[in-house]
Amino acid sequence: MDEEDKNPDCGPSEGGSRGEERLRVYTPASQLRTPLRLVKDMAGDVIDGRELTWRLIVRDISARYRQSFLGIAWAFIPPIITAAVFVMLNKASVLNVKSTTMPYPAFVMAGIILWQLFVDSLNAPLRVIQANKALLGKINFPRESLVFAAMGEVLFEFAIKLLLLVVTFIIYDVPLTWTALLAIGPILLLMLIGIMLGVLLTPAGMLYSDITAALPIITTIWLFATPVVYPMPVNQPYVTLTNLNPPAAALCAARDLLAGAGVADVIPLLAWTGCTIGGLLILWVMLRVAMPILIERIGA
């Protein structure tokens, strides 16, 4: 069945534009047979679900820290510990990283915080849908609100960590210049790449818990394959392999711009921007079409 419902009470949210009600009607026909209506419904659901999205963001952020003794400090503790480990490994010549755009502790802290943004974005779609699995089968509402709410929570967490990065830059005398504002673009791209890959994994993750169990292992290995704690390689074939790594170009560009340096290679950044925008649009349609089937499967 499609995601639409004949019951008008389940139609529009409180955030519907101009107070108009958009009825959601079940139909056996595939939504792909009426692409114009599909696009209109997708855009309408984003608008109708904006208030629901905001309430979900506030609820999830409040719930995360409400029952925690250290509260918001948990946003700082993991990157501090992780960065400290790599700094000690470098001092012990285990990593032997020497040439960086800023003092190595600040370099690592920036890389870890940006990497955590990518990992949080990667986990966000599946996490938020699994957390609201019971609602999906009982209440008809814009599913996009869940993903946008997860994005809002990820950005909130990242904003907190940016305070830690600013303090680190001050301690190690890294000047904050106007080029740091340009880092907003690569930072958003890094988040969207994570969201895109997370949405790609969501259908399989809803059906099989192996995806959720495997993600921490995969991202741990992935960290060492990405220039997080070491600079962008300059020799082939490592340059090509790194450019093919989805988060690498955006992460390095964001870190370099935060340090006041320029972007070394713009082409991979532009290529991944195009791939991400196109991929998100395609995956949005695919997830929207597949969601009623997935809800039926997990509710069986």
Protein backbone atom coordinates (compact mmCIF):
# COMPACT_ATOMS: atom_id res chain seq x y z
CA MET A 1 0.00 0.00 0.00
CA ASP A 2 1.04 3.60 -0.54
CA GLU A 3 1.66 5.92 2.37
CA GLU A 4 -1.51 7.94 1.89
CA ASP A 5 -4.67 7.57 3.91
CA LYS A 6 -8.32 8.24 3.17
CA ASN A 7 -8.82 9.52 6.69
CA PRO A 8 -8.61 13.34 6.53
CA ASP A 9 -7.82 13.47 10.25
CA CYS A 10 -4.43 12.01 9.49
CA GLY A 11 -3.74 14.32 6.56
CA PRO A 12 -2.12 17.69 7.15
CA SER A 13 0.01 18.64 10.10
CA GLU A 14 -0.40 21.85 12.08
CA GLY A 15 2.27 23.39 9.86
CA GLY A 16 0.21 23.05 6.64
CA SER A 17 0.44 26.08 4.40
CA ARG A 18 -2.60 28.45 4.19
CA GLY A 19 -4.57 26.03 6.37
CA GLU A 20 -5.28 23.83 3.38
CA GLU A 21 -5.76 20.10 3.94
CA ARG A 22 -3.98 17.66 1.68
CA LEU A 23 -5.72 14.29 1.83
CA ARG A 24 -3.52 11.18 1.69
CA VAL A 25 -5.31 8.53 -0.34
CA TYR A 26 -4.28 4.89 -0.56
CA THR A 27 -3.92 3.60 -4.10
CA PRO A 28 -2.55 0.31 -5.44
CA ALA A 29 -0.77 2.13 -8.29
CA SER A 30 2.91 2.92 -7.97
CA GLN A 31 3.74 6.54 -7.20
CA LEU A 32 6.33 6.43 -9.99
CA ARG A 33 3.51 6.27 -12.56
CA THR A 34 2.56 9.85 -11.69
CA PRO A 35 5.92 11.62 -11.30
CA LEU A 36 4.48 15.15 -11.24
CA ARG A 37 2.13 14.25 -8.43
CA LEU A 38 4.98 12.48 -6.62
CA VAL A 39 7.18 15.59 -6.76
CA LYS A 40 4.27 17.77 -5.64
CA ASP A 41 3.53 15.46 -2.70
CA MET A 42 7.21 15.34 -1.70
CA ALA A 43 7.47 19.13 -1.65
CA GLY A 44 4.13 19.44 0.13
CA ASP A 45 5.14 16.97 2.84
CA VAL A 46 8.33 18.92 3.54
CA ILE A 47 6.27 22.08 4.05
CA ASP A 48 3.49 20.37 6.01
CA GLY A 49 5.95 18.61 8.28
CA ARG A 50 8.06 21.60 9.28
CA GLU A 51 6.42 22.03 12.69
CA LEU A 52 6.60 18.31 13.37
CA THR A 53 10.28 18.40 12.42
CA TRP A 54 10.97 21.17 14.93
CA ARG A 55 9.12 19.35 17.72
CA LEU A 56 11.04 16.15 17.02
CA ILE A 57 14.35 18.04 17.15
CA VAL A 58 13.49 19.61 20.51
CA ARG A 59 12.22 16.29 21.88
CA ASP A 60 15.25 14.26 20.83
CA ILE A 61 17.81 16.80 22.05
CA SER A 62 16.05 17.17 25.39
CA ALA A 63 15.76 13.40 25.82
CA ARG A 64 19.45 12.87 25.04
CA TYR A 65 20.70 15.04 27.91
CA ARG A 66 17.80 14.92 30.38
CA GLN A 67 18.88 11.74 32.18
CA SER A 68 22.63 12.26 31.88
CA PHE A 69 24.72 13.33 34.89
CA LEU A 70 27.38 14.99 32.74
CA GLY A 71 24.80 16.30 30.29
CA ILE A 72 26.19 18.27 27.39
CA ALA A 73 29.77 17.43 28.45
CA TRP A 74 29.33 14.11 26.61
CA ALA A 75 29.60 16.08 23.37
CA PHE A 76 33.16 17.07 24.36
CA ILE A 77 34.51 13.95 26.04
CA PRO A 78 34.77 11.54 23.04
CA PRO A 79 36.65 13.91 20.69
CA ILE A 80 39.01 15.00 23.48
CA ILE A 81 39.90 11.41 24.36
CA THR A 82 40.23 10.32 20.74
CA ALA A 83 42.39 13.32 19.81
CA ALA A 84 44.59 12.79 22.88
CA VAL A 85 45.22 9.17 21.86
CA PHE A 86 46.37 10.15 18.36
CA VAL A 87 48.51 13.01 19.68
CA MET A 88 50.30 10.58 22.01
CA LEU A 89 50.74 8.07 19.18
CA ASN A 90 52.27 10.78 17.03
CA LYS A 91 54.63 11.88 19.82
CA ALA A 92 55.69 8.25 20.20
CA SER A 93 56.41 8.20 16.42
CA VAL A 94 53.82 5.48 15.86
CA LEU A 95 52.01 7.67 13.31
CA ASN A 96 54.93 9.94 12.44
CA VAL A 97 52.83 12.78 11.02
CA LYS A 98 54.99 15.89 10.66
CA SER A 99 53.71 18.27 7.98
CA THR A 100 50.22 19.67 8.74
CA THR A 101 48.45 22.98 8.10
CA MET A 102 48.32 23.70 11.87
CA PRO A 103 49.81 22.30 15.11
CA TYR A 104 49.09 18.59 15.21
CA PRO A 105 46.78 18.60 18.30
CA ALA A 106 44.56 21.22 16.63
CA PHE A 107 44.81 19.35 13.30
CA VAL A 108 43.64 16.12 14.92
CA MET A 109 40.88 17.80 16.92
CA ALA A 110 39.48 19.42 13.76
CA GLY A 111 39.66 16.10 11.89
CA ILE A 112 37.98 14.13 14.67
CA ILE A 113 35.14 16.64 15.08
CA LEU A 114 34.52 16.73 11.33
CA TRP A 115 34.69 12.94 11.12
CA GLN A 116 32.18 12.64 13.97
CA LEU A 117 29.84 14.93 12.00
CA PHE A 118 30.03 12.49 9.09
CA VAL A 119 29.51 9.43 11.30
CA ASP A 120 26.56 11.01 13.13
CA SER A 121 25.01 11.91 9.76
CA LEU A 122 25.59 8.38 8.47
CA ASN A 123 23.83 6.85 11.49
CA ALA A 124 21.06 9.46 11.74
CA PRO A 125 18.47 8.25 9.16
CA LEU A 126 18.44 4.64 10.30
CA ARG A 127 18.60 5.58 13.99
CA VAL A 128 15.67 7.97 13.86
CA ILE A 129 13.49 5.64 11.78
CA GLN A 130 14.18 2.69 14.07
CA ALA A 131 13.43 4.84 17.13
CA ASN A 132 10.05 5.78 15.63
CA LYS A 133 9.27 2.39 14.11
CA ALA A 134 6.09 2.01 16.17
CA LEU A 135 4.73 5.36 14.97
CA LEU A 136 5.40 4.58 11.32
CA GLY A 137 2.91 1.71 11.33
CA LYS A 138 0.19 3.54 13.29
CA ILE A 139 0.24 7.21 12.32
CA ASN A 140 0.29 8.71 8.84
CA PHE A 141 2.64 11.69 8.82
CA PRO A 142 5.36 13.06 6.50
CA ARG A 143 8.24 10.60 6.81
CA GLU A 144 10.65 13.31 5.68
CA SER A 145 10.17 14.97 9.07
CA LEU A 146 12.13 12.16 10.71
CA VAL A 147 15.17 12.63 8.48
CA PHE A 148 15.11 16.42 8.76
CA ALA A 149 14.78 16.12 12.55
CA ALA A 150 17.83 13.84 12.60
CA MET A 151 19.75 16.40 10.53
CA GLY A 152 18.81 19.14 13.00
CA GLU A 153 20.05 17.04 15.92
CA VAL A 154 23.33 16.32 14.11
CA LEU A 155 23.90 20.02 13.42
CA PHE A 156 23.18 20.86 17.08
CA GLU A 157 25.77 18.33 18.24
CA PHE A 158 28.29 19.68 15.75
CA ALA A 159 27.70 23.27 16.87
CA ILE A 160 28.55 22.25 20.44
CA LYS A 161 31.74 20.57 19.30
CA LEU A 162 32.73 23.70 17.36
CA LEU A 163 33.11 25.46 20.71
CA LEU A 164 35.68 22.84 21.67
CA LEU A 165 37.47 23.39 18.37
CA VAL A 166 37.60 27.16 18.92
CA VAL A 167 39.13 26.64 22.37
CA THR A 168 41.69 24.25 20.86
CA PHE A 169 42.61 26.79 18.19
CA ILE A 170 43.08 29.47 20.85
CA ILE A 171 45.31 27.21 22.96
CA TYR A 172 47.55 26.33 20.00
CA ASP A 173 47.56 29.85 18.47
CA VAL A 174 45.69 28.91 15.30
CA PRO A 175 44.30 32.19 13.88
CA LEU A 176 40.63 32.27 12.97
CA THR A 177 40.34 34.16 9.69
CA TRP A 178 37.45 35.01 7.38
CA THR A 179 38.16 31.87 5.34
CA ALA A 180 36.70 29.87 8.24
CA LEU A 181 33.27 31.07 7.06
CA LEU A 182 33.90 29.39 3.71
CA ALA A 183 34.19 26.08 5.56
CA ILE A 184 30.40 26.11 6.01
CA GLY A 185 30.00 24.75 2.45
CA PRO A 186 32.27 21.68 2.85
CA ILE A 187 30.86 21.08 6.35
CA LEU A 188 27.30 20.94 5.01
CA LEU A 189 28.48 18.75 2.14
CA LEU A 190 30.13 16.38 4.62
CA MET A 191 26.87 16.09 6.53
CA LEU A 192 24.83 15.54 3.36
CA ILE A 193 27.21 12.81 2.18
CA GLY A 194 26.65 11.03 5.48
CA ILE A 195 22.87 11.48 5.20
CA MET A 196 22.93 10.16 1.62
CA LEU A 197 24.82 7.01 2.60
CA GLY A 198 22.63 6.61 5.68
CA VAL A 199 19.44 6.79 3.59
CA LEU A 200 20.97 4.26 1.20
CA LEU A 201 21.45 1.83 4.12
CA THR A 202 18.09 2.52 5.77
CA PRO A 203 15.88 0.01 3.85
CA ALA A 204 18.27 -2.87 4.60
CA GLY A 205 18.79 -1.60 8.15
CA MET A 206 15.04 -1.61 8.81
CA LEU A 207 14.84 -5.28 7.85
CA TYR A 208 18.14 -6.59 9.21
CA SER A 209 19.78 -5.57 12.50
CA ASP A 210 23.18 -6.63 11.09
CA ILE A 211 23.50 -3.20 9.46
CA THR A 212 23.27 -1.39 12.80
CA ALA A 213 25.72 -3.82 14.41
CA ALA A 214 28.25 -3.54 11.57
CA LEU A 215 28.28 0.25 11.20
CA PRO A 216 30.55 0.98 14.23
CA ILE A 217 33.10 -1.54 12.95
CA ILE A 218 32.96 -0.18 9.42
CA THR A 219 33.32 3.46 10.49
CA THR A 220 36.27 2.64 12.76
CA ILE A 221 38.15 1.05 9.85
CA TRP A 222 36.94 3.83 7.55
CA LEU A 223 38.50 6.46 9.83
CA PHE A 224 42.00 5.14 9.13
CA ALA A 225 41.31 5.08 5.38
CA THR A 226 40.33 8.77 5.48
CA PRO A 227 42.69 11.74 6.07
CA VAL A 228 41.32 12.43 9.55
CA VAL A 229 44.50 12.17 11.63
CA TYR A 230 46.95 12.60 8.75
CA PRO A 231 47.11 15.05 5.79
CA MET A 232 45.83 14.40 2.30
CA PRO A 233 48.32 12.09 0.50
CA VAL A 234 50.33 13.54 -2.37
CA ASN A 235 51.48 10.37 -4.13
CA GLN A 236 49.59 8.07 -6.48
CA PRO A 237 47.61 5.84 -6.27
CA TYR A 238 46.75 7.13 -2.79
CA VAL A 239 45.55 10.50 -4.13
CA THR A 240 43.04 8.84 -6.45
CA LEU A 241 41.87 6.39 -3.79
CA THR A 242 41.38 9.23 -1.32
CA ASN A 243 39.42 11.30 -3.83
CA LEU A 244 37.12 8.30 -4.35
CA ASN A 245 36.53 8.15 -0.59
CA PRO A 246 33.16 9.98 -0.13
CA PRO A 247 33.93 12.09 2.99
CA ALA A 248 37.63 12.74 2.30
CA ALA A 249 37.47 15.79 0.00
CA ALA A 250 34.85 17.62 2.06
CA LEU A 251 36.60 16.86 5.36
CA CYS A 252 40.02 18.04 4.16
CA ALA A 253 38.57 21.16 2.52
CA ALA A 254 36.65 22.11 5.67
CA ARG A 255 39.71 21.60 7.89
CA ASP A 256 42.00 23.57 5.58
CA LEU A 257 39.55 26.46 5.40
CA LEU A 258 39.14 26.49 9.17
CA ALA A 259 42.94 26.73 9.42
CA GLY A 260 43.02 29.69 7.05
CA ALA A 261 44.49 27.72 4.15
CA GLY A 262 43.04 27.29 0.68
CA VAL A 263 41.44 24.18 -0.79
CA ALA A 264 44.19 22.10 -2.40
CA ASP A 265 41.99 20.44 -5.05
CA VAL A 266 38.53 21.78 -5.90
CA ILE A 267 37.62 19.17 -8.54
CA PRO A 268 36.89 16.25 -6.13
CA LEU A 269 34.90 18.64 -3.95
CA LEU A 270 32.73 19.75 -6.86
CA ALA A 271 32.35 16.18 -8.11
CA TRP A 272 31.12 14.94 -4.74
CA THR A 273 28.78 17.93 -4.46
CA GLY A 274 27.08 16.95 -7.72
CA CYS A 275 26.97 13.26 -6.81
CA THR A 276 25.51 14.05 -3.39
CA ILE A 277 22.74 16.32 -4.65
CA GLY A 278 21.75 13.86 -7.37
CA GLY A 279 22.05 10.88 -5.04
CA LEU A 280 19.89 12.48 -2.34
CA LEU A 281 17.10 13.25 -4.80
CA ILE A 282 17.13 9.71 -6.21
CA LEU A 283 17.27 8.09 -2.78
CA TRP A 284 14.49 10.34 -1.50
CA VAL A 285 12.19 9.07 -4.23
CA MET A 286 13.28 5.46 -3.72
CA LEU A 287 12.79 5.58 0.04
CA ARG A 288 9.42 7.26 -0.32
CA VAL A 289 8.20 4.58 -2.71
CA ALA A 290 9.67 1.73 -0.65
CA MET A 291 8.62 2.99 2.79
CA PRO A 292 5.03 1.57 2.74
CA ILE A 293 6.41 -1.86 1.76
CA LEU A 294 9.10 -1.70 4.47
CA ILE A 295 6.56 -0.66 7.12
CA GLU A 296 4.36 -3.59 6.12
CA ARG A 297 7.33 -5.99 6.31
CA ILE A 298 8.56 -4.88 9.74
CA GLY A 299 5.00 -4.84 11.08
CA ALA A 300 4.24 -8.37 9.90
